Amino acid sequence: MKVYQNAKILNRFNDGPSSDKDEVPEDLYNSKIINIGKISLPDDKRVEGGLCIDYIPQNSDEIKRLLLGYNDLGMWIVFNKKKSKAKER
């Protein structure tokens, strides 16, 4: 367990099909995570799954979705776009 607790988290994805060396979106830092989970990506045979993160960037009212594809070769950004406006809570 100690290995995982102290492991360095990479903020760059460069092992997947996207060779753009995608980086974690800056607006994800200090954002409010409102949903996180795994979704399937049936149209992409290179992908074992997708990690989906819905978040509201700091000082914003927009909900954004970050979708990370992954397989045994690595992880990469599949989708990072505005999803909707956050509703008043």
C-alpha atoms as a PDB file:
ATOM      1  CA  MET A   1       0.000   0.000   0.000  1.00  0.00           C
ATOM      2  CA  LYS A   2       2.873   2.368   0.739  1.00  0.00           C
ATOM      3  CA  VAL A   3       3.963   2.199  -2.922  1.00  0.00           C
ATOM      4  CA  TYR A   4       0.641   3.678  -4.083  1.00  0.00           C
ATOM      5  CA  GLN A   5       0.547   6.260  -1.320  1.00  0.00           C
ATOM      6  CA  ASN A   6       3.884   7.752  -2.373  1.00  0.00           C
ATOM      7  CA  ALA A   7       3.740   7.169  -6.139  1.00  0.00           C
ATOM      8  CA  LYS A   8       4.254  10.205  -8.347  1.00  0.00           C
ATOM      9  CA  ILE A   9       1.176  11.240 -10.345  1.00  0.00           C
ATOM     10  CA  LEU A  10       2.009  12.131 -13.944  1.00  0.00           C
ATOM     11  CA  ASN A  11       0.263  15.165 -15.400  1.00  0.00           C
ATOM     12  CA  ARG A  12       1.062  14.263 -18.990  1.00  0.00           C
ATOM     13  CA  PHE A  13      -0.319  11.375 -21.025  1.00  0.00           C
ATOM     14  CA  ASN A  14       1.965  10.227 -23.816  1.00  0.00           C
ATOM     15  CA  ASP A  15       1.507   6.482 -24.161  1.00  0.00           C
ATOM     16  CA  GLY A  16      -1.900   6.276 -25.820  1.00  0.00           C
ATOM     17  CA  PRO A  17      -3.079   6.540 -29.414  1.00  0.00           C
ATOM     18  CA  SER A  18      -3.058  10.337 -29.164  1.00  0.00           C
ATOM     19  CA  SER A  19       0.524  11.379 -29.811  1.00  0.00           C
ATOM     20  CA  ASP A  20      -0.143  15.002 -28.864  1.00  0.00           C
ATOM     21  CA  LYS A  21       1.235  14.449 -25.345  1.00  0.00           C
ATOM     22  CA  ASP A  22      -1.986  15.666 -23.791  1.00  0.00           C
ATOM     23  CA  GLU A  23      -1.754  17.374 -20.421  1.00  0.00           C
ATOM     24  CA  VAL A  24      -4.212  17.503 -17.570  1.00  0.00           C
ATOM     25  CA  PRO A  25      -6.419  20.573 -18.214  1.00  0.00           C
ATOM     26  CA  GLU A  26      -5.338  23.534 -16.073  1.00  0.00           C
ATOM     27  CA  ASP A  27      -8.919  24.282 -15.031  1.00  0.00           C
ATOM     28  CA  LEU A  28      -9.187  20.842 -13.390  1.00  0.00           C
ATOM     29  CA  TYR A  29      -6.857  22.003 -10.624  1.00  0.00           C
ATOM     30  CA  ASN A  30      -8.802  23.559  -7.711  1.00  0.00           C
ATOM     31  CA  SER A  31     -12.086  22.632  -9.374  1.00  0.00           C
ATOM     32  CA  LYS A  32     -15.089  21.036  -7.720  1.00  0.00           C
ATOM     33  CA  ILE A  33     -15.420  17.384  -8.778  1.00  0.00           C
ATOM     34  CA  ILE A  34     -19.115  16.581  -9.035  1.00  0.00           C
ATOM     35  CA  ASN A  35     -18.986  13.114 -10.578  1.00  0.00           C
ATOM     36  CA  ILE A  36     -16.316  10.528 -11.294  1.00  0.00           C
ATOM     37  CA  GLY A  37     -16.603   7.028 -12.681  1.00  0.00           C
ATOM     38  CA  LYS A  38     -15.840   4.542 -15.431  1.00  0.00           C
ATOM     39  CA  ILE A  39     -17.702   4.426 -18.723  1.00  0.00           C
ATOM     40  CA  SER A  40     -17.331   2.137 -21.699  1.00  0.00           C
ATOM     41  CA  LEU A  41     -16.191   3.407 -25.089  1.00  0.00           C
ATOM     42  CA  PRO A  42     -17.671   0.824 -27.480  1.00  0.00           C
ATOM     43  CA  ASP A  43     -16.675   2.682 -30.654  1.00  0.00           C
ATOM     44  CA  ASP A  44     -12.962   2.639 -29.869  1.00  0.00           C
ATOM     45  CA  LYS A  45     -11.411  -0.848 -29.961  1.00  0.00           C
ATOM     46  CA  ARG A  46      -8.065   0.454 -28.619  1.00  0.00           C
ATOM     47  CA  VAL A  47      -9.658   1.344 -25.296  1.00  0.00           C
ATOM     48  CA  GLU A  48     -10.374  -0.952 -22.357  1.00  0.00           C
ATOM     49  CA  GLY A  49     -12.396   1.742 -20.648  1.00  0.00           C
ATOM     50  CA  GLY A  50     -12.815   5.384 -19.920  1.00  0.00           C
ATOM     51  CA  LEU A  51     -12.419   7.326 -16.703  1.00  0.00           C
ATOM     52  CA  CYS A  52     -14.961  10.138 -16.722  1.00  0.00           C
ATOM     53  CA  ILE A  53     -14.656  13.222 -14.498  1.00  0.00           C
ATOM     54  CA  ASP A  54     -17.356  15.922 -14.422  1.00  0.00           C
ATOM     55  CA  TYR A  55     -16.131  19.087 -12.746  1.00  0.00           C
ATOM     56  CA  ILE A  56     -16.841  22.783 -12.242  1.00  0.00           C
ATOM     57  CA  PRO A  57     -13.729  24.944 -12.665  1.00  0.00           C
ATOM     58  CA  GLN A  58     -12.979  27.486  -9.972  1.00  0.00           C
ATOM     59  CA  ASN A  59     -14.865  30.790 -10.488  1.00  0.00           C
ATOM     60  CA  SER A  60     -17.091  29.236 -13.159  1.00  0.00           C
ATOM     61  CA  ASP A  61     -20.656  28.008 -13.514  1.00  0.00           C
ATOM     62  CA  GLU A  62     -19.925  25.588 -16.363  1.00  0.00           C
ATOM     63  CA  ILE A  63     -19.804  21.839 -15.879  1.00  0.00           C
ATOM     64  CA  LYS A  64     -16.983  20.295 -17.891  1.00  0.00           C
ATOM     65  CA  ARG A  65     -16.361  16.654 -18.682  1.00  0.00           C
ATOM     66  CA  LEU A  66     -12.922  15.109 -18.973  1.00  0.00           C
ATOM     67  CA  LEU A  67     -12.838  11.615 -20.427  1.00  0.00           C
ATOM     68  CA  LEU A  68      -9.626   9.631 -20.210  1.00  0.00           C
ATOM     69  CA  GLY A  69      -9.209   6.518 -22.325  1.00  0.00           C
ATOM     70  CA  TYR A  70      -6.880   3.793 -21.172  1.00  0.00           C
ATOM     71  CA  ASN A  71      -5.526   0.369 -22.052  1.00  0.00           C
ATOM     72  CA  ASP A  72      -2.429  -1.637 -21.172  1.00  0.00           C
ATOM     73  CA  LEU A  73      -0.254   0.877 -23.066  1.00  0.00           C
ATOM     74  CA  GLY A  74      -1.254   3.961 -21.103  1.00  0.00           C
ATOM     75  CA  MET A  75      -3.847   6.683 -20.661  1.00  0.00           C
ATOM     76  CA  TRP A  76      -4.849   9.642 -22.846  1.00  0.00           C
ATOM     77  CA  ILE A  77      -7.458  12.369 -23.133  1.00  0.00           C
ATOM     78  CA  VAL A  78     -10.423  11.364 -25.314  1.00  0.00           C
ATOM     79  CA  PHE A  79     -12.741  14.293 -24.592  1.00  0.00           C
ATOM     80  CA  ASN A  80     -12.477  17.556 -22.650  1.00  0.00           C
ATOM     81  CA  LYS A  81     -15.353  19.929 -23.266  1.00  0.00           C
ATOM     82  CA  LYS A  82     -18.062  21.988 -21.648  1.00  0.00           C
ATOM     83  CA  LYS A  83     -21.015  19.831 -20.663  1.00  0.00           C
ATOM     84  CA  SER A  84     -23.583  22.340 -19.364  1.00  0.00           C
ATOM     85  CA  LYS A  85     -24.216  25.222 -17.005  1.00  0.00           C
ATOM     86  CA  ALA A  86     -24.233  24.346 -13.335  1.00  0.00           C
ATOM     87  CA  LYS A  87     -27.624  24.769 -11.717  1.00  0.00           C
ATOM     88  CA  GLU A  88     -28.175  26.891  -8.646  1.00  0.00           C
ATOM     89  CA  ARG A  89     -27.831  24.766  -5.515  1.00  0.00           C
END
